[in-house]
């Protein structure tokens, strides 16, 4: 194994904090990973990693080397792209994590077209709504909706998706159609949605004239904690909901749901792609980013 391969394996182990995870991501035997690190340490004459039964940590020499190796690997990626940029075909495995509703309603139905263009690409699609450590879990990029917390990841902001107010025809026949948010507390029900962070029911939101969010406590008879049940309860006539338009467009088209109070929506939600700095020039990642951005464009606020 040459020195460059040793550097590549060392960077993967250092970033993931695990020999086993690095071996899985690189698709090589764990013994090869261990041997590469041992050969690298022997060749440099320094200890690069502290190994325990639960964790792998960098030594001071390992931290110094990792900074230099990252630059080297990025430069090599740049050189590769000089000769690959004009090629349509990509190959290999790409791991993407997305909110479950985006994965189901947008990504999965459009995947046949992507894979027809790139038949040697394998996409591992994980659907979660939780925060994940991309490097530790070996994920190439994530799709996230909402305000982002501070992160060392590269953020590619795509735009904002509209949140609309919806009700079922049955609900509107029974309770009447609200015209403004002030009508809600006394005469209407909402389907409650519990925050995944706090477990508390989220208030109803609309934008004030100055663009600031106006929160309203609307009573609820049922509270849910996922989008599937949220939409199902609304269709059953149990209350009003606020939901991304892309998530219910098919129900609006069929008449199963009706948009209400179109001039009193909540603030649109930002949608972003995030990925680790060292992988930002991966050819297959760039292909996915461009494909997903085009996929989302019709669903973004104009």
Protein backbone atom coordinates (compact mmCIF):
# COMPACT_ATOMS: atom_id res chain seq x y z
CA UNK A 1 0.00 0.00 0.00
CA UNK A 2 1.50 3.35 -1.03
CA UNK A 3 1.78 6.40 1.20
CA UNK A 4 -1.15 8.22 -0.39
CA UNK A 5 -3.51 5.32 0.39
CA UNK A 6 -2.22 5.34 3.95
CA UNK A 7 -3.00 9.05 4.21
CA UNK A 8 -6.47 8.51 2.83
CA UNK A 9 -7.21 5.73 5.32
CA UNK A 10 -5.72 7.73 8.19
CA UNK A 11 -7.98 10.72 7.42
CA UNK A 12 -11.06 8.48 7.32
CA UNK A 13 -10.22 6.84 10.66
CA UNK A 14 -9.44 10.20 12.26
CA UNK A 15 -12.67 11.80 11.10
CA UNK A 16 -14.92 8.86 11.97
CA UNK A 17 -13.16 7.95 15.22
CA UNK A 18 -13.40 4.26 14.38
CA UNK A 19 -11.40 1.67 12.45
CA UNK A 20 -14.54 -0.38 11.75
CA UNK A 21 -16.58 2.56 10.42
CA UNK A 22 -13.68 3.72 8.27
CA UNK A 23 -13.28 0.24 6.81
CA UNK A 24 -17.01 0.09 6.03
CA UNK A 25 -17.00 3.51 4.36
CA UNK A 26 -13.88 2.77 2.31
CA UNK A 27 -15.15 -0.76 1.56
CA UNK A 28 -11.90 -2.44 2.61
CA UNK A 29 -11.20 -5.09 5.29
CA UNK A 30 -10.66 -3.79 8.82
CA UNK A 31 -7.29 -5.57 8.86
CA UNK A 32 -6.18 -3.44 5.88
CA UNK A 33 -7.12 -0.27 7.76
CA UNK A 34 -5.16 -1.34 10.85
CA UNK A 35 -2.17 -2.33 8.73
CA UNK A 36 -2.19 1.01 6.89
CA UNK A 37 -2.16 2.99 10.14
CA UNK A 38 0.62 0.83 11.59
CA UNK A 39 2.72 1.25 8.44
CA UNK A 40 2.13 5.01 8.41
CA UNK A 41 3.10 5.40 12.06
CA UNK A 42 6.19 3.25 11.54
CA UNK A 43 7.23 5.19 8.45
CA UNK A 44 6.80 8.58 10.13
CA UNK A 45 8.22 7.45 13.46
CA UNK A 46 5.38 8.95 15.50
CA UNK A 47 2.15 7.81 17.14
CA UNK A 48 -0.84 9.28 15.36
CA UNK A 49 -3.80 7.76 17.20
CA UNK A 50 -4.73 6.86 20.76
CA UNK A 51 -6.70 3.62 20.61
CA UNK A 52 -9.16 2.47 23.28
CA UNK A 53 -11.86 -0.18 23.22
CA UNK A 54 -14.52 2.49 22.66
CA UNK A 55 -12.86 5.36 20.82
CA UNK A 56 -9.99 6.40 18.58
CA UNK A 57 -8.52 9.85 19.26
CA UNK A 58 -5.81 11.87 17.55
CA UNK A 59 -2.49 12.52 19.22
CA UNK A 60 -0.98 16.03 18.81
CA UNK A 61 1.12 14.64 15.93
CA UNK A 62 -2.01 13.09 14.45
CA UNK A 63 -3.85 16.44 14.56
CA UNK A 64 -0.94 18.13 12.78
CA UNK A 65 -0.85 15.46 10.09
CA UNK A 66 -4.63 15.50 9.59
CA UNK A 67 -4.58 19.23 8.79
CA UNK A 68 -1.95 18.67 6.09
CA UNK A 69 -3.56 15.50 4.75
CA UNK A 70 -6.92 17.20 4.28
CA UNK A 71 -5.28 19.77 2.03
CA UNK A 72 -3.50 17.02 0.09
CA UNK A 73 -6.68 15.00 -0.45
CA UNK A 74 -8.60 18.08 -1.59
CA UNK A 75 -5.84 18.93 -4.07
CA UNK A 76 -5.96 15.41 -5.47
CA UNK A 77 -9.75 15.66 -5.82
CA UNK A 78 -9.28 18.93 -7.73
CA UNK A 79 -6.85 17.26 -10.12
CA UNK A 80 -9.26 14.37 -10.68
CA UNK A 81 -12.07 16.81 -11.47
CA UNK A 82 -9.99 18.43 -14.21
CA UNK A 83 -10.32 15.23 -16.21
CA UNK A 84 -13.71 14.03 -14.97
CA UNK A 85 -15.80 17.20 -15.12
CA UNK A 86 -16.78 16.64 -18.74
CA UNK A 87 -17.84 13.04 -18.12
CA UNK A 88 -21.54 12.41 -17.46
CA UNK A 89 -21.03 9.04 -15.87
CA UNK A 90 -20.37 8.65 -12.17
CA UNK A 91 -20.07 5.49 -10.13
CA UNK A 92 -19.82 4.30 -6.56
CA UNK A 93 -21.91 4.64 -3.43
CA UNK A 94 -23.44 7.87 -2.15
CA UNK A 95 -25.11 8.06 1.28
CA UNK A 96 -27.79 10.73 1.64
CA UNK A 97 -30.00 11.51 4.63
CA UNK A 98 -33.26 13.45 4.22
CA UNK A 99 -36.44 14.16 6.17
CA UNK A 100 -38.80 11.24 5.71
CA UNK A 101 -41.46 13.19 3.80
CA UNK A 102 -38.96 14.67 1.33
CA UNK A 103 -37.44 11.24 0.84
CA UNK A 104 -40.84 9.68 0.17
CA UNK A 105 -42.68 12.40 -1.74
CA UNK A 106 -39.86 13.96 -3.78
CA UNK A 107 -36.64 11.95 -3.90
CA UNK A 108 -37.88 8.36 -4.27
CA UNK A 109 -40.33 9.02 -7.16
CA UNK A 110 -37.62 10.89 -9.11
CA UNK A 111 -34.78 8.42 -8.50
CA UNK A 112 -35.38 6.24 -11.59
CA UNK A 113 -34.44 9.18 -13.82
CA UNK A 114 -31.21 9.86 -11.89
CA UNK A 115 -30.18 6.21 -11.93
CA UNK A 116 -30.97 5.82 -15.62
CA UNK A 117 -28.50 8.62 -16.32
CA UNK A 118 -25.93 7.16 -13.92
CA UNK A 119 -26.43 3.37 -13.85
CA UNK A 120 -23.18 2.79 -11.94
CA UNK A 121 -24.28 5.04 -9.05
CA UNK A 122 -25.66 3.41 -5.89
CA UNK A 123 -27.69 5.70 -3.62
CA UNK A 124 -28.14 4.81 0.05
CA UNK A 125 -31.17 6.86 1.11
CA UNK A 126 -31.62 7.29 4.85
CA UNK A 127 -34.78 9.04 6.01
CA UNK A 128 -34.57 10.69 9.43
CA UNK A 129 -35.56 13.98 11.02
CA UNK A 130 -32.86 13.98 13.69
CA UNK A 131 -29.49 15.69 13.82
CA UNK A 132 -26.70 13.35 12.78
CA UNK A 133 -22.92 13.47 12.74
CA UNK A 134 -22.15 13.08 9.04
CA UNK A 135 -18.49 12.19 9.48
CA UNK A 136 -19.02 9.67 12.29
CA UNK A 137 -21.94 8.00 10.52
CA UNK A 138 -20.31 8.03 7.08
CA UNK A 139 -23.05 10.12 5.45
CA UNK A 140 -22.09 12.15 2.37
CA UNK A 141 -24.78 14.82 2.64
CA UNK A 142 -28.06 15.65 4.37
CA UNK A 143 -31.16 17.54 3.33
CA UNK A 144 -32.50 19.75 6.11
CA UNK A 145 -35.56 21.97 6.44
CA UNK A 146 -35.70 24.81 8.95
CA UNK A 147 -33.24 27.10 10.67
CA UNK A 148 -29.79 25.54 10.98
CA UNK A 149 -27.71 25.52 14.12
CA UNK A 150 -24.04 26.42 14.06
CA UNK A 151 -22.15 23.80 12.11
CA UNK A 152 -18.74 23.11 10.63
CA UNK A 153 -20.45 21.62 7.58
CA UNK A 154 -20.66 23.25 4.18
CA UNK A 155 -24.19 24.65 3.70
CA UNK A 156 -25.77 24.95 0.27
CA UNK A 157 -28.94 27.01 0.73
CA UNK A 158 -31.56 26.15 -1.89
CA UNK A 159 -34.35 28.57 -0.98
CA UNK A 160 -37.59 28.45 1.01
CA UNK A 161 -40.60 26.17 0.86
CA UNK A 162 -44.10 27.54 1.42
CA UNK A 163 -46.09 26.56 4.49
CA UNK A 164 -49.83 26.68 3.83
CA UNK A 165 -52.94 26.37 6.00
CA UNK A 166 -55.21 23.42 5.23
CA UNK A 167 -58.51 21.87 6.24
CA UNK A 168 -60.68 19.04 4.99
CA UNK A 169 -63.99 19.78 3.21
CA UNK A 170 -65.81 17.90 5.99
CA UNK A 171 -64.25 20.12 8.65
CA UNK A 172 -65.19 23.29 6.76
CA UNK A 173 -68.79 22.11 6.36
CA UNK A 174 -69.01 21.51 10.10
CA UNK A 175 -67.08 24.49 11.47
CA UNK A 176 -67.09 27.04 8.66
CA UNK A 177 -64.02 28.57 6.99
CA UNK A 178 -61.85 30.93 9.05
CA UNK A 179 -60.92 34.18 7.33
CA UNK A 180 -58.16 35.44 9.63
CA UNK A 181 -56.01 34.02 12.45
CA UNK A 182 -58.01 35.90 15.09
CA UNK A 183 -60.99 33.68 14.24
CA UNK A 184 -59.18 30.51 15.29
CA UNK A 185 -59.02 30.33 19.12
CA UNK A 186 -62.76 30.74 19.74
CA UNK A 187 -64.29 28.85 16.82
CA UNK A 188 -61.81 26.29 15.47
CA UNK A 189 -59.61 23.32 16.26
CA UNK A 190 -56.08 22.62 15.13
CA UNK A 191 -54.37 19.27 14.84
CA UNK A 192 -51.59 19.69 17.39
CA UNK A 193 -48.00 18.95 16.43
CA UNK A 194 -45.50 18.11 19.17
CA UNK A 195 -42.00 19.54 18.74
CA UNK A 196 -39.44 16.74 18.20
CA UNK A 197 -37.03 18.67 20.44
CA UNK A 198 -39.18 19.61 23.43
CA UNK A 199 -42.29 17.45 23.02
CA UNK A 200 -44.42 20.57 23.48
CA UNK A 201 -47.28 21.39 21.16
CA UNK A 202 -46.27 24.03 18.62
CA UNK A 203 -48.45 27.16 18.34
CA UNK A 204 -50.21 28.31 15.20
CA UNK A 205 -48.13 30.88 13.31
CA UNK A 206 -48.90 33.64 10.84
CA UNK A 207 -46.87 36.56 9.56
CA UNK A 208 -47.77 40.00 10.84
CA UNK A 209 -47.88 43.02 8.51
CA UNK A 210 -44.26 43.85 9.38
CA UNK A 211 -43.14 40.31 8.49
CA UNK A 212 -42.64 39.15 12.08
CA UNK A 213 -44.17 35.85 13.22
CA UNK A 214 -47.43 36.09 15.17
CA UNK A 215 -48.10 33.06 17.40
CA UNK A 216 -51.64 31.99 18.31
CA UNK A 217 -52.73 29.27 20.74
CA UNK A 218 -55.39 27.25 18.92
CA UNK A 219 -57.08 24.44 20.90
CA UNK A 220 -56.55 20.87 19.74
CA UNK A 221 -58.34 17.57 20.35
CA UNK A 222 -55.49 15.43 19.05
CA UNK A 223 -51.71 15.94 19.13
CA UNK A 224 -49.28 14.02 16.87
CA UNK A 225 -45.53 13.88 16.42
CA UNK A 226 -45.07 12.99 12.76
CA UNK A 227 -46.23 14.33 9.40
CA UNK A 228 -48.10 11.16 8.35
CA UNK A 229 -50.48 11.37 11.32
CA UNK A 230 -50.67 15.15 11.06
CA UNK A 231 -52.04 14.95 7.51
CA UNK A 232 -54.23 11.92 8.27
CA UNK A 233 -55.93 13.70 11.18
CA UNK A 234 -56.58 16.74 9.04
CA UNK A 235 -58.14 14.59 6.30
CA UNK A 236 -60.33 12.98 8.97
CA UNK A 237 -61.73 16.41 9.86
CA UNK A 238 -60.07 16.69 13.28
CA UNK A 239 -58.66 20.17 12.73
CA UNK A 240 -56.57 22.62 10.74
CA UNK A 241 -52.90 22.13 9.90
CA UNK A 242 -49.92 24.13 8.63
CA UNK A 243 -47.86 22.03 6.22
CA UNK A 244 -45.34 22.43 3.38
CA UNK A 245 -47.25 22.72 0.12
CA UNK A 246 -45.23 19.96 -1.61
CA UNK A 247 -46.36 17.53 1.08
CA UNK A 248 -50.09 17.92 0.31
CA UNK A 249 -50.21 19.18 -3.29
CA UNK A 250 -51.67 15.86 -4.45
CA UNK A 251 -54.42 16.15 -1.82
CA UNK A 252 -55.18 19.73 -2.85
CA UNK A 253 -55.39 18.59 -6.48
CA UNK A 254 -57.81 15.78 -5.59
CA UNK A 255 -59.95 17.96 -3.32
CA UNK A 256 -59.21 15.90 -0.19
CA UNK A 257 -57.77 19.05 1.42
CA UNK A 258 -58.46 22.74 0.87
CA UNK A 259 -56.11 25.66 1.39
CA UNK A 260 -57.49 28.31 3.76
CA UNK A 261 -56.33 31.81 4.78
CA UNK A 262 -53.81 32.07 1.91
CA UNK A 263 -52.86 35.61 2.95
CA UNK A 264 -52.12 34.55 6.54
CA UNK A 265 -49.46 31.88 6.13
CA UNK A 266 -46.59 31.04 8.45
CA UNK A 267 -43.08 32.09 7.47
CA UNK A 268 -41.62 29.91 4.69
CA UNK A 269 -39.01 27.39 5.81
CA UNK A 270 -35.44 27.33 4.47
CA UNK A 271 -34.24 24.14 2.81
CA UNK A 272 -30.52 23.36 2.64
CA UNK A 273 -28.02 20.68 1.68
CA UNK A 274 -25.15 20.09 4.11
CA UNK A 275 -21.99 18.10 3.56
CA UNK A 276 -18.50 17.75 5.08
CA UNK A 277 -15.84 20.06 3.71
CA UNK A 278 -13.48 17.30 2.57
CA UNK A 279 -16.12 15.68 0.38
CA UNK A 280 -17.45 18.80 -1.27
CA UNK A 281 -15.68 18.11 -4.58
CA UNK A 282 -16.77 14.48 -4.94
CA UNK A 283 -18.07 14.01 -8.49
CA UNK A 284 -21.03 11.84 -7.47
CA UNK A 285 -21.90 14.24 -4.65
CA UNK A 286 -21.90 17.20 -7.02
CA UNK A 287 -24.14 15.28 -9.43
CA UNK A 288 -26.62 14.62 -6.62
CA UNK A 289 -26.53 18.22 -5.37
CA UNK A 290 -27.32 19.61 -8.81
CA UNK A 291 -30.03 16.98 -9.39
CA UNK A 292 -31.71 17.62 -6.04
CA UNK A 293 -31.56 21.39 -6.44
CA UNK A 294 -33.40 21.06 -9.77
CA UNK A 295 -35.87 18.64 -8.14
CA UNK A 296 -36.67 21.14 -5.37
CA UNK A 297 -36.88 24.23 -7.56
CA UNK A 298 -40.60 23.90 -8.48
CA UNK A 299 -41.43 23.59 -4.78
CA UNK A 300 -39.57 26.73 -3.65
CA UNK A 301 -41.02 30.16 -3.03
CA UNK A 302 -40.61 32.47 -6.01
